Amino acid sequence: MSERSGIFSGEDPFAISRQWLDEARKHEVADPDAAALATVDAEGLPNVRVVLMRGIEDNGFVFYTNYHSAKGQEIAATGKAAFVIHWKTLKRQIRVRGPVEQVSPEQSDAYFASRALQSRIGAWASQQSQPLKSRASLMADVARLGLKLGPHPERPPHWGGYRITPVEIEFWADGEFRLHNRFQWRREKEGSSWTVNRLSP
């Protein structure tokens, strides 16, 4: 039997990722697409926060945020990021590292239009990661912009999608006695062939 039989089988790590996410959506109570995203600031100090992974494409993972946020500024400076998605119910994880780029304006526009109206207005109102005078001042800005922008606000120029194109993807599944199953897919750059290794727990 192949080392990568069962839930690890297949030659395409993005197809495996989509399969695991589809299974998680059936079992996880909330936010099965929540990922802990890591970036690094100018001093080399890591930053981690949870984002929602909104797309697993044929060669990358996509999320959306404010480009002026702390993570946006750190991505702009380094062009790199990492994330982990942990599904407690399934006892599985996916870890990813690689370069990051903005998705096309058209792709960001399409996703922005699919969001709830209040979320679209919130993207205009929030100066993400910046000091906030009060919750009341934020809600006042939301109300003001709601009246100004109307029911079909365009996407703010400071908001959109990022695509992480991995050079490493690790699939982790729980094993008895903490002898977990780990398979790492690694390549030198986008377009290179993958090397797959089983890792020690």
C-alpha atoms as a PDB file:
ATOM      1  CA  MET A   1       0.000   0.000   0.000  1.00  0.00           C
ATOM      2  CA  SER A   2       1.272   3.473  -0.877  1.00  0.00           C
ATOM      3  CA  GLU A   3       2.610   5.641   1.948  1.00  0.00           C
ATOM      4  CA  ARG A   4       0.120   8.281   0.815  1.00  0.00           C
ATOM      5  CA  SER A   5      -3.008   6.157   0.656  1.00  0.00           C
ATOM      6  CA  GLY A   6      -6.379   7.291   1.965  1.00  0.00           C
ATOM      7  CA  ILE A   7      -6.772  10.974   2.862  1.00  0.00           C
ATOM      8  CA  PHE A   8      -3.265  11.819   1.583  1.00  0.00           C
ATOM      9  CA  SER A   9      -3.626  10.173  -1.836  1.00  0.00           C
ATOM     10  CA  GLY A  10      -3.381  12.115  -5.095  1.00  0.00           C
ATOM     11  CA  GLU A  11      -0.727  14.001  -7.018  1.00  0.00           C
ATOM     12  CA  ASP A  12      -2.209  17.509  -6.736  1.00  0.00           C
ATOM     13  CA  PRO A  13      -1.832  19.183  -3.312  1.00  0.00           C
ATOM     14  CA  PHE A  14      -4.456  21.803  -4.188  1.00  0.00           C
ATOM     15  CA  ALA A  15      -6.994  19.084  -4.980  1.00  0.00           C
ATOM     16  CA  ILE A  16      -6.196  17.434  -1.639  1.00  0.00           C
ATOM     17  CA  SER A  17      -6.620  20.815   0.081  1.00  0.00           C
ATOM     18  CA  ARG A  18     -10.031  21.344  -1.533  1.00  0.00           C
ATOM     19  CA  GLN A  19     -11.098  17.833  -0.552  1.00  0.00           C
ATOM     20  CA  TRP A  20     -10.091  18.402   3.077  1.00  0.00           C
ATOM     21  CA  LEU A  21     -11.868  21.766   3.151  1.00  0.00           C
ATOM     22  CA  ASP A  22     -15.035  20.235   1.672  1.00  0.00           C
ATOM     23  CA  GLU A  23     -14.990  17.580   4.414  1.00  0.00           C
ATOM     24  CA  ALA A  24     -14.379  20.233   7.080  1.00  0.00           C
ATOM     25  CA  ARG A  25     -17.397  22.211   5.906  1.00  0.00           C
ATOM     26  CA  LYS A  26     -19.565  19.201   6.745  1.00  0.00           C
ATOM     27  CA  HIS A  27     -18.204  18.765  10.272  1.00  0.00           C
ATOM     28  CA  GLU A  28     -16.717  21.977  11.699  1.00  0.00           C
ATOM     29  CA  VAL A  29     -19.158  24.029  13.772  1.00  0.00           C
ATOM     30  CA  ALA A  30     -17.950  27.456  12.623  1.00  0.00           C
ATOM     31  CA  ASP A  31     -15.582  28.971  10.074  1.00  0.00           C
ATOM     32  CA  PRO A  32     -13.994  25.861   8.520  1.00  0.00           C
ATOM     33  CA  ASP A  33     -12.024  28.198   6.239  1.00  0.00           C
ATOM     34  CA  ALA A  34     -10.433  30.148   9.119  1.00  0.00           C
ATOM     35  CA  ALA A  35      -6.644  30.275   8.814  1.00  0.00           C
ATOM     36  CA  ALA A  36      -3.948  31.681  11.101  1.00  0.00           C
ATOM     37  CA  LEU A  37      -1.922  33.908   8.772  1.00  0.00           C
ATOM     38  CA  ALA A  38       1.664  34.818   9.687  1.00  0.00           C
ATOM     39  CA  THR A  39       3.699  37.742   8.368  1.00  0.00           C
ATOM     40  CA  VAL A  40       6.855  39.499   9.603  1.00  0.00           C
ATOM     41  CA  ASP A  41       7.317  43.183  10.425  1.00  0.00           C
ATOM     42  CA  ALA A  42      10.291  45.433   9.622  1.00  0.00           C
ATOM     43  CA  GLU A  43      12.140  44.262  12.749  1.00  0.00           C
ATOM     44  CA  GLY A  44      11.642  40.592  11.891  1.00  0.00           C
ATOM     45  CA  LEU A  45       9.006  40.136  14.612  1.00  0.00           C
ATOM     46  CA  PRO A  46       6.248  37.726  13.505  1.00  0.00           C
ATOM     47  CA  ASN A  47       2.591  38.712  13.451  1.00  0.00           C
ATOM     48  CA  VAL A  48      -0.261  36.166  13.396  1.00  0.00           C
ATOM     49  CA  ARG A  49      -3.993  36.736  12.930  1.00  0.00           C
ATOM     50  CA  VAL A  50      -6.973  34.762  11.694  1.00  0.00           C
ATOM     51  CA  VAL A  51      -8.283  35.369   8.180  1.00  0.00           C
ATOM     52  CA  LEU A  52     -10.866  33.519   6.090  1.00  0.00           C
ATOM     53  CA  MET A  53      -9.379  31.557   3.194  1.00  0.00           C
ATOM     54  CA  ARG A  54     -11.867  32.337   0.446  1.00  0.00           C
ATOM     55  CA  GLY A  55     -10.483  30.305  -2.425  1.00  0.00           C
ATOM     56  CA  ILE A  56      -8.249  27.331  -3.177  1.00  0.00           C
ATOM     57  CA  GLU A  57      -7.237  27.742  -6.798  1.00  0.00           C
ATOM     58  CA  ASP A  58      -5.226  25.432  -9.033  1.00  0.00           C
ATOM     59  CA  ASN A  59      -1.981  27.011  -7.825  1.00  0.00           C
ATOM     60  CA  GLY A  60      -2.716  29.131  -4.772  1.00  0.00           C
ATOM     61  CA  PHE A  61      -4.784  30.123  -1.747  1.00  0.00           C
ATOM     62  CA  VAL A  62      -6.757  33.384  -1.737  1.00  0.00           C
ATOM     63  CA  PHE A  63      -7.913  35.675   1.075  1.00  0.00           C
ATOM     64  CA  TYR A  64      -9.136  39.288   1.169  1.00  0.00           C
ATOM     65  CA  THR A  65      -8.264  42.206   3.424  1.00  0.00           C
ATOM     66  CA  ASN A  66      -7.418  45.896   3.709  1.00  0.00           C
ATOM     67  CA  TYR A  67      -4.146  46.548   1.840  1.00  0.00           C
ATOM     68  CA  HIS A  68      -3.251  49.268   4.388  1.00  0.00           C
ATOM     69  CA  SER A  69      -3.614  46.936   7.380  1.00  0.00           C
ATOM     70  CA  ALA A  70      -0.611  45.642   9.311  1.00  0.00           C
ATOM     71  CA  LYS A  71      -0.643  42.408   7.338  1.00  0.00           C
ATOM     72  CA  GLY A  72      -1.001  44.306   4.078  1.00  0.00           C
ATOM     73  CA  GLN A  73       2.000  46.507   4.866  1.00  0.00           C
ATOM     74  CA  GLU A  74       4.079  43.526   5.955  1.00  0.00           C
ATOM     75  CA  ILE A  75       3.174  41.575   2.823  1.00  0.00           C
ATOM     76  CA  ALA A  76       4.099  44.610   0.709  1.00  0.00           C
ATOM     77  CA  ALA A  77       7.503  44.762   2.420  1.00  0.00           C
ATOM     78  CA  THR A  78       8.424  41.062   2.256  1.00  0.00           C
ATOM     79  CA  GLY A  79       6.187  39.524  -0.398  1.00  0.00           C
ATOM     80  CA  LYS A  80       5.880  36.388   1.737  1.00  0.00           C
ATOM     81  CA  ALA A  81       3.496  34.804   4.231  1.00  0.00           C
ATOM     82  CA  ALA A  82       2.526  31.527   5.855  1.00  0.00           C
ATOM     83  CA  PHE A  83      -0.670  30.101   7.288  1.00  0.00           C
ATOM     84  CA  VAL A  84      -2.089  27.103   9.052  1.00  0.00           C
ATOM     85  CA  ILE A  85      -5.663  25.826   8.971  1.00  0.00           C
ATOM     86  CA  HIS A  86      -6.554  23.542  11.877  1.00  0.00           C
ATOM     87  CA  TRP A  87      -9.725  21.448  11.883  1.00  0.00           C
ATOM     88  CA  LYS A  88     -10.159  20.205  15.433  1.00  0.00           C
ATOM     89  CA  THR A  89     -13.115  17.958  14.624  1.00  0.00           C
ATOM     90  CA  LEU A  90     -11.279  16.174  11.802  1.00  0.00           C
ATOM     91  CA  LYS A  91      -7.949  16.283  13.653  1.00  0.00           C
ATOM     92  CA  ARG A  92      -6.180  17.631  10.564  1.00  0.00           C
ATOM     93  CA  GLN A  93      -4.060  20.638   9.598  1.00  0.00           C
ATOM     94  CA  ILE A  94      -2.733  22.218   6.423  1.00  0.00           C
ATOM     95  CA  ARG A  95       0.378  24.406   6.654  1.00  0.00           C
ATOM     96  CA  VAL A  96       1.466  26.634   3.757  1.00  0.00           C
ATOM     97  CA  ARG A  97       4.443  28.944   3.082  1.00  0.00           C
ATOM     98  CA  GLY A  98       5.238  30.978   0.014  1.00  0.00           C
ATOM     99  CA  PRO A  99       5.296  34.254  -1.896  1.00  0.00           C
ATOM    100  CA  VAL A 100       2.213  36.490  -1.974  1.00  0.00           C
ATOM    101  CA  GLU A 101       0.758  38.745  -4.669  1.00  0.00           C
ATOM    102  CA  GLN A 102      -2.435  40.724  -5.096  1.00  0.00           C
ATOM    103  CA  VAL A 103      -5.146  39.074  -7.187  1.00  0.00           C
ATOM    104  CA  SER A 104      -6.507  40.970 -10.187  1.00  0.00           C
ATOM    105  CA  PRO A 105      -8.802  43.958  -9.597  1.00  0.00           C
ATOM    106  CA  GLU A 106     -11.541  42.066 -11.433  1.00  0.00           C
ATOM    107  CA  GLN A 107     -11.281  39.110  -9.047  1.00  0.00           C
ATOM    108  CA  SER A 108     -11.363  41.432  -6.040  1.00  0.00           C
ATOM    109  CA  ASP A 109     -14.362  43.273  -7.493  1.00  0.00           C
ATOM    110  CA  ALA A 110     -16.277  40.023  -7.973  1.00  0.00           C
ATOM    111  CA  TYR A 111     -15.667  38.846  -4.436  1.00  0.00           C
ATOM    112  CA  PHE A 112     -16.437  42.265  -2.936  1.00  0.00           C
ATOM    113  CA  ALA A 113     -19.796  42.330  -4.746  1.00  0.00           C
ATOM    114  CA  SER A 114     -20.679  38.949  -3.194  1.00  0.00           C
ATOM    115  CA  ARG A 115     -20.318  40.244   0.384  1.00  0.00           C
ATOM    116  CA  ALA A 116     -23.171  41.433   2.568  1.00  0.00           C
ATOM    117  CA  LEU A 117     -23.909  45.148   2.140  1.00  0.00           C
ATOM    118  CA  GLN A 118     -22.905  46.026   5.709  1.00  0.00           C
ATOM    119  CA  SER A 119     -19.569  44.244   5.216  1.00  0.00           C
ATOM    120  CA  ARG A 120     -18.950  46.239   2.041  1.00  0.00           C
ATOM    121  CA  ILE A 121     -19.687  49.500   3.835  1.00  0.00           C
ATOM    122  CA  GLY A 122     -17.510  48.367   6.739  1.00  0.00           C
ATOM    123  CA  ALA A 123     -14.582  47.919   4.354  1.00  0.00           C
ATOM    124  CA  TRP A 124     -14.878  51.628   3.500  1.00  0.00           C
ATOM    125  CA  ALA A 125     -15.329  52.739   7.111  1.00  0.00           C
ATOM    126  CA  SER A 126     -12.585  50.762   8.838  1.00  0.00           C
ATOM    127  CA  GLN A 127      -9.006  52.050   8.883  1.00  0.00           C
ATOM    128  CA  GLN A 128      -7.867  48.557   9.743  1.00  0.00           C
ATOM    129  CA  SER A 129      -5.053  48.222  12.312  1.00  0.00           C
ATOM    130  CA  GLN A 130      -5.034  51.985  13.006  1.00  0.00           C
ATOM    131  CA  PRO A 131      -5.913  53.466  16.430  1.00  0.00           C
ATOM    132  CA  LEU A 132      -9.679  53.972  16.861  1.00  0.00           C
ATOM    133  CA  LYS A 133     -11.117  56.782  18.986  1.00  0.00           C
ATOM    134  CA  SER A 134     -14.207  54.786  19.959  1.00  0.00           C
ATOM    135  CA  ARG A 135     -16.656  52.157  18.772  1.00  0.00           C
ATOM    136  CA  ALA A 136     -19.259  54.911  18.498  1.00  0.00           C
ATOM    137  CA  SER A 137     -17.107  56.892  16.056  1.00  0.00           C
ATOM    138  CA  LEU A 138     -16.685  53.816  13.870  1.00  0.00           C
ATOM    139  CA  MET A 139     -20.421  53.139  13.791  1.00  0.00           C
ATOM    140  CA  ALA A 140     -21.062  56.798  12.963  1.00  0.00           C
ATOM    141  CA  ASP A 141     -18.729  56.450   9.975  1.00  0.00           C
ATOM    142  CA  VAL A 142     -20.558  53.281   8.908  1.00  0.00           C
ATOM    143  CA  ALA A 143     -23.909  55.102   9.052  1.00  0.00           C
ATOM    144  CA  ARG A 144     -22.569  58.134   7.177  1.00  0.00           C
ATOM    145  CA  LEU A 145     -20.973  56.045   4.445  1.00  0.00           C
ATOM    146  CA  GLY A 146     -24.045  53.839   4.164  1.00  0.00           C
ATOM    147  CA  LEU A 147     -26.074  56.907   3.194  1.00  0.00           C
ATOM    148  CA  LYS A 148     -23.359  58.249   0.905  1.00  0.00           C
ATOM    149  CA  LEU A 149     -22.495  55.025  -0.955  1.00  0.00           C
ATOM    150  CA  GLY A 150     -25.991  53.614  -1.332  1.00  0.00           C
ATOM    151  CA  PRO A 151     -26.961  49.953  -1.854  1.00  0.00           C
ATOM    152  CA  HIS A 152     -24.251  49.144  -4.412  1.00  0.00           C
ATOM    153  CA  PRO A 153     -20.910  50.508  -3.157  1.00  0.00           C
ATOM    154  CA  GLU A 154     -17.871  49.933  -5.331  1.00  0.00           C
ATOM    155  CA  ARG A 155     -14.835  48.194  -3.896  1.00  0.00           C
ATOM    156  CA  PRO A 156     -12.519  50.564  -2.000  1.00  0.00           C
ATOM    157  CA  PRO A 157      -9.131  50.899  -3.723  1.00  0.00           C
ATOM    158  CA  HIS A 158      -7.420  49.939  -0.455  1.00  0.00           C
ATOM    159  CA  TRP A 159      -9.230  46.588  -0.177  1.00  0.00           C
ATOM    160  CA  GLY A 160      -8.803  43.385  -2.163  1.00  0.00           C
ATOM    161  CA  GLY A 161      -7.411  39.896  -2.450  1.00  0.00           C
ATOM    162  CA  TYR A 162      -4.051  38.238  -1.985  1.00  0.00           C
ATOM    163  CA  ARG A 163      -2.881  34.934  -3.418  1.00  0.00           C
ATOM    164  CA  ILE A 164      -0.308  32.799  -1.612  1.00  0.00           C
ATOM    165  CA  THR A 165       1.489  30.601  -4.146  1.00  0.00           C
ATOM    166  CA  PRO A 166       3.112  27.910  -2.004  1.00  0.00           C
ATOM    167  CA  VAL A 167       6.626  26.586  -2.129  1.00  0.00           C
ATOM    168  CA  GLU A 168       5.695  24.330   0.819  1.00  0.00           C
ATOM    169  CA  ILE A 169       2.440  22.624   1.744  1.00  0.00           C
ATOM    170  CA  GLU A 170       2.222  20.232   4.666  1.00  0.00           C
ATOM    171  CA  PHE A 171      -0.713  17.938   5.355  1.00  0.00           C
ATOM    172  CA  TRP A 172      -0.994  16.801   8.979  1.00  0.00           C
ATOM    173  CA  ALA A 173      -3.365  14.197  10.400  1.00  0.00           C
ATOM    174  CA  ASP A 174      -3.665  12.963  13.965  1.00  0.00           C
ATOM    175  CA  GLY A 175      -2.023   9.662  14.858  1.00  0.00           C
ATOM    176  CA  GLU A 176      -2.216   7.445  17.931  1.00  0.00           C
ATOM    177  CA  PHE A 177       0.181   8.177  20.799  1.00  0.00           C
ATOM    178  CA  ARG A 178       1.020  11.551  19.172  1.00  0.00           C
ATOM    179  CA  LEU A 179       2.696   9.724  16.280  1.00  0.00           C
ATOM    180  CA  HIS A 180       1.041  12.031  13.775  1.00  0.00           C
ATOM    181  CA  ASN A 181       1.084  11.622   9.995  1.00  0.00           C
ATOM    182  CA  ARG A 182       2.832  14.447   8.138  1.00  0.00           C
ATOM    183  CA  PHE A 183       3.488  14.785   4.414  1.00  0.00           C
ATOM    184  CA  GLN A 184       5.340  17.796   3.031  1.00  0.00           C
ATOM    185  CA  TRP A 185       5.084  18.919  -0.591  1.00  0.00           C
ATOM    186  CA  ARG A 186       8.019  21.174  -1.525  1.00  0.00           C
ATOM    187  CA  ARG A 187       9.163  22.935  -4.706  1.00  0.00           C
ATOM    188  CA  GLU A 188      11.777  25.551  -5.521  1.00  0.00           C
ATOM    189  CA  LYS A 189       9.357  27.997  -7.145  1.00  0.00           C
ATOM    190  CA  GLU A 190       6.010  28.232  -8.893  1.00  0.00           C
ATOM    191  CA  GLY A 191       5.933  25.862 -11.852  1.00  0.00           C
ATOM    192  CA  SER A 192       8.634  23.569 -10.467  1.00  0.00           C
ATOM    193  CA  SER A 193       7.823  19.937  -9.787  1.00  0.00           C
ATOM    194  CA  TRP A 194       6.890  18.920  -6.251  1.00  0.00           C
ATOM    195  CA  THR A 195       8.992  16.723  -3.999  1.00  0.00           C
ATOM    196  CA  VAL A 196       6.919  14.848  -1.426  1.00  0.00           C
ATOM    197  CA  ASN A 197       8.375  13.605   1.870  1.00  0.00           C
ATOM    198  CA  ARG A 198       6.906  11.989   4.933  1.00  0.00           C
ATOM    199  CA  LEU A 199       8.051  13.937   8.002  1.00  0.00           C
ATOM    200  CA  SER A 200       8.634  12.626  11.492  1.00  0.00           C
ATOM    201  CA  PRO A 201       5.858  13.511  13.960  1.00  0.00           C
END
